[in-house]
């Protein structure tokens, strides 16, 4: 278990949202991929943020109240994203997940998004390897 690393258990093809996407498109991405959040990337695939269902609900409620136009993902995404390295161990990530809030962590090398690892992925890895 100690040697299991994130790269071996991450999703290398996660649902993504591109800068400039509307909130409605973002919701479509989340729902069609059955995920609670997704990394936001620029045209070069660089990680620039993370957006969650919670972020979208808040915005949709506000738009409904204001009869407003559809906001863009960059208006609601979190730009300060907690990330992990593909070489981090599953054990160290499990410890981090025990104290920090995110359910999903983008896996990056520099700013380049390589994948996403979720709590479910970590739990699965821990059970398989123990």
N, C-alpha and C. Protein backbone atom coordinates (compact mmCIF):
# COMPACT_ATOMS: atom_id res chain seq x y z
N UNK A 1 0.83 -1.20 0.00
CA UNK A 1 0.00 0.00 0.00
C UNK A 1 0.86 1.25 0.00
N UNK A 2 1.98 1.20 0.73
CA UNK A 2 2.81 2.38 0.86
C UNK A 2 3.33 2.85 -0.49
N UNK A 3 3.53 1.92 -1.43
CA UNK A 3 4.11 2.26 -2.72
C UNK A 3 3.09 2.64 -3.79
N UNK A 4 1.80 2.45 -3.51
CA UNK A 4 0.77 2.80 -4.49
C UNK A 4 0.77 4.31 -4.69
N UNK A 5 0.76 4.73 -5.96
CA UNK A 5 0.81 6.15 -6.26
C UNK A 5 -0.43 6.60 -7.02
N UNK A 6 -0.67 7.88 -6.98
CA UNK A 6 -1.85 8.50 -7.58
C UNK A 6 -1.97 8.14 -9.06
N UNK A 7 -0.88 8.20 -9.79
CA UNK A 7 -0.89 7.94 -11.25
C UNK A 7 -1.57 6.60 -11.58
N UNK A 8 -1.43 5.61 -10.71
CA UNK A 8 -1.97 4.28 -10.96
C UNK A 8 -3.48 4.18 -10.71
N UNK A 9 -4.05 5.18 -10.04
CA UNK A 9 -5.45 5.09 -9.63
C UNK A 9 -6.30 6.28 -10.06
N UNK A 10 -5.71 7.25 -10.72
CA UNK A 10 -6.44 8.44 -11.15
C UNK A 10 -7.23 8.14 -12.42
N UNK A 11 -8.17 9.01 -12.71
CA UNK A 11 -8.89 8.96 -13.99
C UNK A 11 -8.11 9.86 -14.96
N UNK A 12 -7.48 9.27 -15.98
CA UNK A 12 -6.67 10.07 -16.90
C UNK A 12 -7.49 10.82 -17.95
N UNK A 13 -8.79 10.56 -18.00
CA UNK A 13 -9.66 11.24 -18.96
C UNK A 13 -10.89 11.81 -18.25
N UNK A 14 -10.67 12.74 -17.32
CA UNK A 14 -11.79 13.27 -16.55
C UNK A 14 -12.67 14.20 -17.37
N UNK A 15 -13.87 14.42 -16.86
CA UNK A 15 -14.74 15.46 -17.43
C UNK A 15 -14.03 16.79 -17.24
N UNK A 16 -14.05 17.63 -18.26
CA UNK A 16 -13.39 18.93 -18.22
C UNK A 16 -14.36 20.02 -18.61
N UNK A 17 -14.11 21.20 -18.10
CA UNK A 17 -14.85 22.38 -18.53
C UNK A 17 -13.81 23.38 -19.03
N UNK A 18 -14.07 23.97 -20.17
CA UNK A 18 -13.14 24.94 -20.74
C UNK A 18 -13.54 26.36 -20.33
N UNK A 19 -12.53 27.20 -20.17
CA UNK A 19 -12.79 28.63 -19.93
C UNK A 19 -13.75 29.14 -21.00
N UNK A 20 -14.65 30.00 -20.62
CA UNK A 20 -15.62 30.55 -21.57
C UNK A 20 -16.91 29.77 -21.63
N UNK A 21 -16.96 28.60 -20.98
CA UNK A 21 -18.19 27.80 -20.97
C UNK A 21 -19.25 28.48 -20.11
N UNK A 22 -20.49 28.37 -20.53
CA UNK A 22 -21.59 28.90 -19.73
C UNK A 22 -21.85 27.96 -18.56
N UNK A 23 -22.56 28.47 -17.57
CA UNK A 23 -22.91 27.62 -16.42
C UNK A 23 -23.83 26.50 -16.87
N UNK A 24 -24.74 26.78 -17.77
CA UNK A 24 -25.63 25.70 -18.26
C UNK A 24 -24.83 24.59 -18.94
N UNK A 25 -23.83 24.96 -19.74
CA UNK A 25 -22.97 23.95 -20.36
C UNK A 25 -22.19 23.20 -19.29
N UNK A 26 -21.70 23.92 -18.30
CA UNK A 26 -20.95 23.31 -17.20
C UNK A 26 -21.81 22.29 -16.47
N UNK A 27 -23.06 22.64 -16.19
CA UNK A 27 -23.99 21.71 -15.54
C UNK A 27 -24.20 20.48 -16.42
N UNK A 28 -24.35 20.68 -17.72
CA UNK A 28 -24.50 19.55 -18.64
C UNK A 28 -23.30 18.60 -18.55
N UNK A 29 -22.10 19.16 -18.49
CA UNK A 29 -20.88 18.35 -18.38
C UNK A 29 -20.90 17.55 -17.08
N UNK A 30 -21.21 18.21 -15.97
CA UNK A 30 -21.24 17.52 -14.68
C UNK A 30 -22.28 16.41 -14.67
N UNK A 31 -23.49 16.71 -15.13
CA UNK A 31 -24.57 15.73 -15.10
C UNK A 31 -24.33 14.57 -16.06
N UNK A 32 -23.87 14.87 -17.26
CA UNK A 32 -23.67 13.79 -18.25
C UNK A 32 -22.51 12.87 -17.88
N UNK A 33 -21.61 13.36 -17.03
CA UNK A 33 -20.48 12.53 -16.60
C UNK A 33 -20.65 12.01 -15.17
N UNK A 34 -21.79 12.32 -14.54
CA UNK A 34 -22.09 11.87 -13.18
C UNK A 34 -20.96 12.21 -12.20
N UNK A 35 -20.50 13.46 -12.26
CA UNK A 35 -19.46 13.93 -11.35
C UNK A 35 -19.96 15.15 -10.58
N UNK A 36 -19.37 15.38 -9.42
CA UNK A 36 -19.79 16.50 -8.57
C UNK A 36 -19.00 17.76 -8.83
N UNK A 37 -17.94 17.64 -9.62
CA UNK A 37 -17.12 18.80 -9.94
C UNK A 37 -16.16 18.45 -11.06
N UNK A 38 -15.58 19.49 -11.65
CA UNK A 38 -14.67 19.25 -12.77
C UNK A 38 -13.59 20.32 -12.84
N UNK A 39 -12.41 19.95 -13.31
CA UNK A 39 -11.37 20.93 -13.53
C UNK A 39 -11.75 21.87 -14.66
N UNK A 40 -11.29 23.10 -14.56
CA UNK A 40 -11.48 24.09 -15.62
C UNK A 40 -10.10 24.30 -16.25
N UNK A 41 -10.04 24.18 -17.57
CA UNK A 41 -8.77 24.32 -18.28
C UNK A 41 -8.87 25.40 -19.35
N UNK A 42 -7.70 25.94 -19.69
CA UNK A 42 -7.65 26.91 -20.79
C UNK A 42 -7.44 26.15 -22.10
N UNK A 43 -7.26 26.87 -23.19
CA UNK A 43 -7.10 26.26 -24.50
C UNK A 43 -5.88 25.38 -24.65
N UNK A 44 -4.90 25.56 -23.77
CA UNK A 44 -3.68 24.76 -23.80
C UNK A 44 -3.72 23.57 -22.84
N UNK A 45 -4.87 23.35 -22.20
CA UNK A 45 -4.99 22.25 -21.25
C UNK A 45 -4.39 22.55 -19.90
N UNK A 46 -4.10 23.82 -19.63
CA UNK A 46 -3.55 24.21 -18.34
C UNK A 46 -4.69 24.35 -17.33
N UNK A 47 -4.50 23.81 -16.15
CA UNK A 47 -5.50 23.92 -15.09
C UNK A 47 -5.59 25.37 -14.61
N UNK A 48 -6.80 25.92 -14.65
CA UNK A 48 -6.99 27.31 -14.19
C UNK A 48 -8.02 27.41 -13.07
N UNK A 49 -8.72 26.32 -12.78
CA UNK A 49 -9.72 26.36 -11.73
C UNK A 49 -10.44 25.05 -11.56
N UNK A 50 -11.43 25.06 -10.69
CA UNK A 50 -12.27 23.89 -10.43
C UNK A 50 -13.67 24.41 -10.15
N UNK A 51 -14.67 23.73 -10.70
CA UNK A 51 -16.06 24.13 -10.50
C UNK A 51 -16.85 22.93 -9.98
N UNK A 52 -17.75 23.21 -9.04
CA UNK A 52 -18.53 22.13 -8.43
C UNK A 52 -20.03 22.33 -8.67
N UNK A 53 -20.79 21.29 -8.38
CA UNK A 53 -22.25 21.40 -8.44
C UNK A 53 -22.72 22.53 -7.53
N UNK A 54 -22.14 22.62 -6.37
CA UNK A 54 -22.52 23.66 -5.40
C UNK A 54 -22.35 25.05 -6.01
N UNK A 55 -21.23 25.28 -6.68
CA UNK A 55 -20.99 26.57 -7.32
C UNK A 55 -22.09 26.88 -8.34
N UNK A 56 -22.46 25.86 -9.10
CA UNK A 56 -23.46 26.05 -10.16
C UNK A 56 -24.86 26.29 -9.59
N UNK A 57 -25.20 25.58 -8.52
CA UNK A 57 -26.52 25.78 -7.90
C UNK A 57 -26.68 27.22 -7.44
N UNK A 58 -25.67 27.73 -6.77
CA UNK A 58 -25.73 29.11 -6.28
C UNK A 58 -25.98 30.10 -7.42
N UNK A 59 -25.25 29.91 -8.53
CA UNK A 59 -25.37 30.83 -9.67
C UNK A 59 -26.73 30.68 -10.34
N UNK A 60 -27.20 29.45 -10.52
CA UNK A 60 -28.49 29.25 -11.16
C UNK A 60 -29.62 29.84 -10.33
N UNK A 61 -29.52 29.73 -9.02
CA UNK A 61 -30.52 30.36 -8.15
C UNK A 61 -30.53 31.88 -8.33
N UNK A 62 -29.37 32.47 -8.36
CA UNK A 62 -29.25 33.92 -8.53
C UNK A 62 -29.78 34.35 -9.90
N UNK A 63 -29.43 33.61 -10.95
CA UNK A 63 -29.92 33.94 -12.29
C UNK A 63 -31.43 33.85 -12.35
N UNK A 64 -31.99 32.83 -11.71
CA UNK A 64 -33.44 32.66 -11.71
C UNK A 64 -34.11 33.86 -11.03
N UNK A 65 -33.54 34.29 -9.91
CA UNK A 65 -34.10 35.42 -9.17
C UNK A 65 -34.00 36.72 -9.97
N UNK A 66 -32.92 36.87 -10.72
CA UNK A 66 -32.67 38.11 -11.47
C UNK A 66 -33.14 38.05 -12.92
N UNK A 67 -33.63 36.88 -13.37
CA UNK A 67 -33.92 36.67 -14.79
C UNK A 67 -32.72 37.09 -15.63
N UNK A 68 -31.54 36.75 -15.14
CA UNK A 68 -30.30 37.18 -15.78
C UNK A 68 -29.80 36.24 -16.85
N UNK A 69 -28.75 36.70 -17.53
CA UNK A 69 -28.11 35.88 -18.55
C UNK A 69 -27.25 34.81 -17.90
N UNK A 70 -26.93 33.81 -18.68
CA UNK A 70 -26.11 32.70 -18.21
C UNK A 70 -24.70 33.19 -17.91
N UNK A 71 -24.23 32.96 -16.71
CA UNK A 71 -22.87 33.33 -16.31
C UNK A 71 -21.87 32.38 -16.95
N UNK A 72 -20.60 32.77 -16.90
CA UNK A 72 -19.52 31.93 -17.41
C UNK A 72 -18.85 31.21 -16.26
N UNK A 73 -18.24 30.08 -16.57
CA UNK A 73 -17.60 29.27 -15.54
C UNK A 73 -16.53 30.05 -14.79
N UNK A 74 -15.81 30.94 -15.47
CA UNK A 74 -14.75 31.70 -14.78
C UNK A 74 -15.31 32.67 -13.74
N UNK A 75 -16.61 32.96 -13.82
CA UNK A 75 -17.24 33.83 -12.83
C UNK A 75 -17.49 33.12 -11.50
N UNK A 76 -17.50 31.79 -11.52
CA UNK A 76 -17.85 31.04 -10.31
C UNK A 76 -16.83 30.01 -9.88
N UNK A 77 -15.91 29.65 -10.75
CA UNK A 77 -14.94 28.60 -10.42
C UNK A 77 -14.01 29.05 -9.29
N UNK A 78 -13.41 28.09 -8.65
CA UNK A 78 -12.38 28.36 -7.65
C UNK A 78 -11.04 28.34 -8.37
N UNK A 79 -10.32 29.44 -8.27
CA UNK A 79 -9.04 29.53 -8.95
C UNK A 79 -7.89 28.97 -8.15
N UNK A 80 -8.06 28.90 -6.84
CA UNK A 80 -7.02 28.39 -5.96
C UNK A 80 -7.33 26.92 -5.68
N UNK A 81 -6.83 26.03 -6.54
CA UNK A 81 -7.21 24.63 -6.53
C UNK A 81 -6.17 23.79 -5.79
N UNK A 82 -6.65 22.93 -4.91
CA UNK A 82 -5.76 21.96 -4.27
C UNK A 82 -5.50 20.84 -5.26
N UNK A 83 -4.24 20.58 -5.54
CA UNK A 83 -3.87 19.58 -6.53
C UNK A 83 -2.93 18.56 -5.90
N UNK A 84 -2.72 17.46 -6.63
CA UNK A 84 -1.76 16.45 -6.21
C UNK A 84 -0.86 16.11 -7.40
N UNK A 85 0.27 15.55 -7.07
CA UNK A 85 1.22 15.09 -8.08
C UNK A 85 0.92 13.63 -8.44
N UNK A 86 1.20 13.22 -9.65
CA UNK A 86 0.98 11.82 -10.01
C UNK A 86 1.85 10.86 -9.20
N UNK A 87 2.92 11.39 -8.61
CA UNK A 87 3.84 10.54 -7.83
C UNK A 87 3.54 10.54 -6.33
N UNK A 88 2.53 11.31 -5.89
CA UNK A 88 2.11 11.26 -4.49
C UNK A 88 1.59 9.86 -4.18
N UNK A 89 1.78 9.42 -2.96
CA UNK A 89 1.27 8.10 -2.59
C UNK A 89 -0.21 8.18 -2.26
N UNK A 90 -0.88 7.06 -2.45
CA UNK A 90 -2.30 6.96 -2.10
C UNK A 90 -2.47 7.20 -0.60
N UNK A 91 -1.54 6.70 0.20
CA UNK A 91 -1.62 6.88 1.64
C UNK A 91 -1.54 8.35 2.03
N UNK A 92 -0.62 9.10 1.43
CA UNK A 92 -0.51 10.52 1.77
C UNK A 92 -1.74 11.29 1.31
N UNK A 93 -2.30 10.92 0.16
CA UNK A 93 -3.51 11.57 -0.32
C UNK A 93 -4.69 11.23 0.60
N UNK A 94 -4.78 9.99 1.05
CA UNK A 94 -5.86 9.60 1.97
C UNK A 94 -5.79 10.43 3.25
N UNK A 95 -4.59 10.65 3.75
CA UNK A 95 -4.42 11.48 4.95
C UNK A 95 -4.86 12.92 4.68
N UNK A 96 -4.51 13.44 3.51
CA UNK A 96 -4.90 14.79 3.13
C UNK A 96 -6.43 14.89 3.02
N UNK A 97 -7.04 13.87 2.42
CA UNK A 97 -8.49 13.88 2.25
C UNK A 97 -9.22 13.79 3.58
N UNK A 98 -8.55 13.24 4.59
CA UNK A 98 -9.16 13.14 5.91
C UNK A 98 -9.27 14.48 6.62
N UNK A 99 -8.45 15.44 6.20
CA UNK A 99 -8.46 16.74 6.88
C UNK A 99 -8.93 17.89 6.00
N UNK A 100 -8.92 17.71 4.69
CA UNK A 100 -9.32 18.78 3.77
C UNK A 100 -10.64 18.44 3.11
N UNK A 101 -11.33 19.44 2.63
CA UNK A 101 -12.69 19.30 2.13
C UNK A 101 -12.84 18.69 0.73
N UNK A 102 -11.97 18.96 -0.24
CA UNK A 102 -12.26 18.49 -1.60
C UNK A 102 -12.49 16.99 -1.71
N UNK A 103 -13.45 16.63 -2.57
CA UNK A 103 -13.74 15.23 -2.86
C UNK A 103 -12.94 14.76 -4.07
N UNK A 104 -12.51 15.71 -4.87
CA UNK A 104 -11.77 15.43 -6.10
C UNK A 104 -10.53 16.30 -6.16
N UNK A 105 -9.44 15.71 -6.57
CA UNK A 105 -8.20 16.46 -6.69
C UNK A 105 -7.68 16.35 -8.13
N UNK A 106 -7.47 17.47 -8.78
CA UNK A 106 -6.80 17.43 -10.08
C UNK A 106 -5.36 16.93 -9.87
N UNK A 107 -4.93 16.09 -10.78
CA UNK A 107 -3.56 15.58 -10.77
C UNK A 107 -2.81 16.38 -11.82
N UNK A 108 -1.75 17.06 -11.40
CA UNK A 108 -1.04 17.96 -12.30
C UNK A 108 0.46 17.71 -12.29
N UNK A 109 1.06 18.08 -13.40
CA UNK A 109 2.51 18.18 -13.51
C UNK A 109 2.76 19.61 -13.96
N UNK A 110 3.33 20.43 -13.08
CA UNK A 110 3.37 21.87 -13.35
C UNK A 110 1.94 22.37 -13.26
N UNK A 111 1.48 23.01 -14.31
CA UNK A 111 0.07 23.43 -14.39
C UNK A 111 -0.72 22.54 -15.35
N UNK A 112 -0.06 21.56 -15.93
CA UNK A 112 -0.69 20.68 -16.92
C UNK A 112 -1.53 19.62 -16.23
N UNK A 113 -2.81 19.56 -16.58
CA UNK A 113 -3.73 18.59 -15.99
C UNK A 113 -3.47 17.21 -16.59
N UNK A 114 -3.24 16.23 -15.72
CA UNK A 114 -3.01 14.86 -16.16
C UNK A 114 -4.21 13.96 -15.90
N UNK A 115 -5.05 14.35 -14.94
CA UNK A 115 -6.20 13.54 -14.58
C UNK A 115 -6.83 14.07 -13.31
N UNK A 116 -7.73 13.27 -12.75
CA UNK A 116 -8.40 13.61 -11.50
C UNK A 116 -8.45 12.34 -10.66
N UNK A 117 -8.29 12.50 -9.36
CA UNK A 117 -8.47 11.37 -8.45
C UNK A 117 -9.51 11.77 -7.40
N UNK A 118 -10.44 10.88 -7.17
CA UNK A 118 -11.56 11.15 -6.26
C UNK A 118 -11.42 10.35 -4.97
N UNK A 119 -12.26 10.69 -4.00
CA UNK A 119 -12.29 9.91 -2.77
C UNK A 119 -12.60 8.44 -3.07
N UNK A 120 -13.52 8.22 -4.00
CA UNK A 120 -13.86 6.84 -4.37
C UNK A 120 -12.66 6.10 -4.92
N UNK A 121 -11.87 6.77 -5.75
CA UNK A 121 -10.65 6.15 -6.30
C UNK A 121 -9.68 5.77 -5.19
N UNK A 122 -9.55 6.67 -4.22
CA UNK A 122 -8.63 6.42 -3.10
C UNK A 122 -9.15 5.26 -2.25
N UNK A 123 -10.43 5.25 -1.95
CA UNK A 123 -11.01 4.15 -1.17
C UNK A 123 -10.82 2.81 -1.88
N UNK A 124 -11.09 2.81 -3.19
CA UNK A 124 -10.93 1.60 -3.99
C UNK A 124 -9.49 1.11 -3.93
N UNK A 125 -8.54 2.01 -4.10
CA UNK A 125 -7.13 1.65 -4.07
C UNK A 125 -6.73 1.09 -2.70
N UNK A 126 -7.22 1.73 -1.65
CA UNK A 126 -6.87 1.27 -0.30
C UNK A 126 -7.41 -0.14 -0.03
N UNK A 127 -8.62 -0.41 -0.50
CA UNK A 127 -9.21 -1.74 -0.30
C UNK A 127 -8.53 -2.80 -1.15
N UNK A 128 -8.19 -2.45 -2.38
CA UNK A 128 -7.52 -3.40 -3.28
C UNK A 128 -6.13 -3.76 -2.79
N UNK A 129 -5.47 -2.81 -2.19
CA UNK A 129 -4.06 -2.98 -1.84
C UNK A 129 -3.84 -3.43 -0.40
N UNK A 130 -4.92 -3.51 0.37
CA UNK A 130 -4.70 -3.91 1.78
C UNK A 130 -4.89 -5.38 1.98
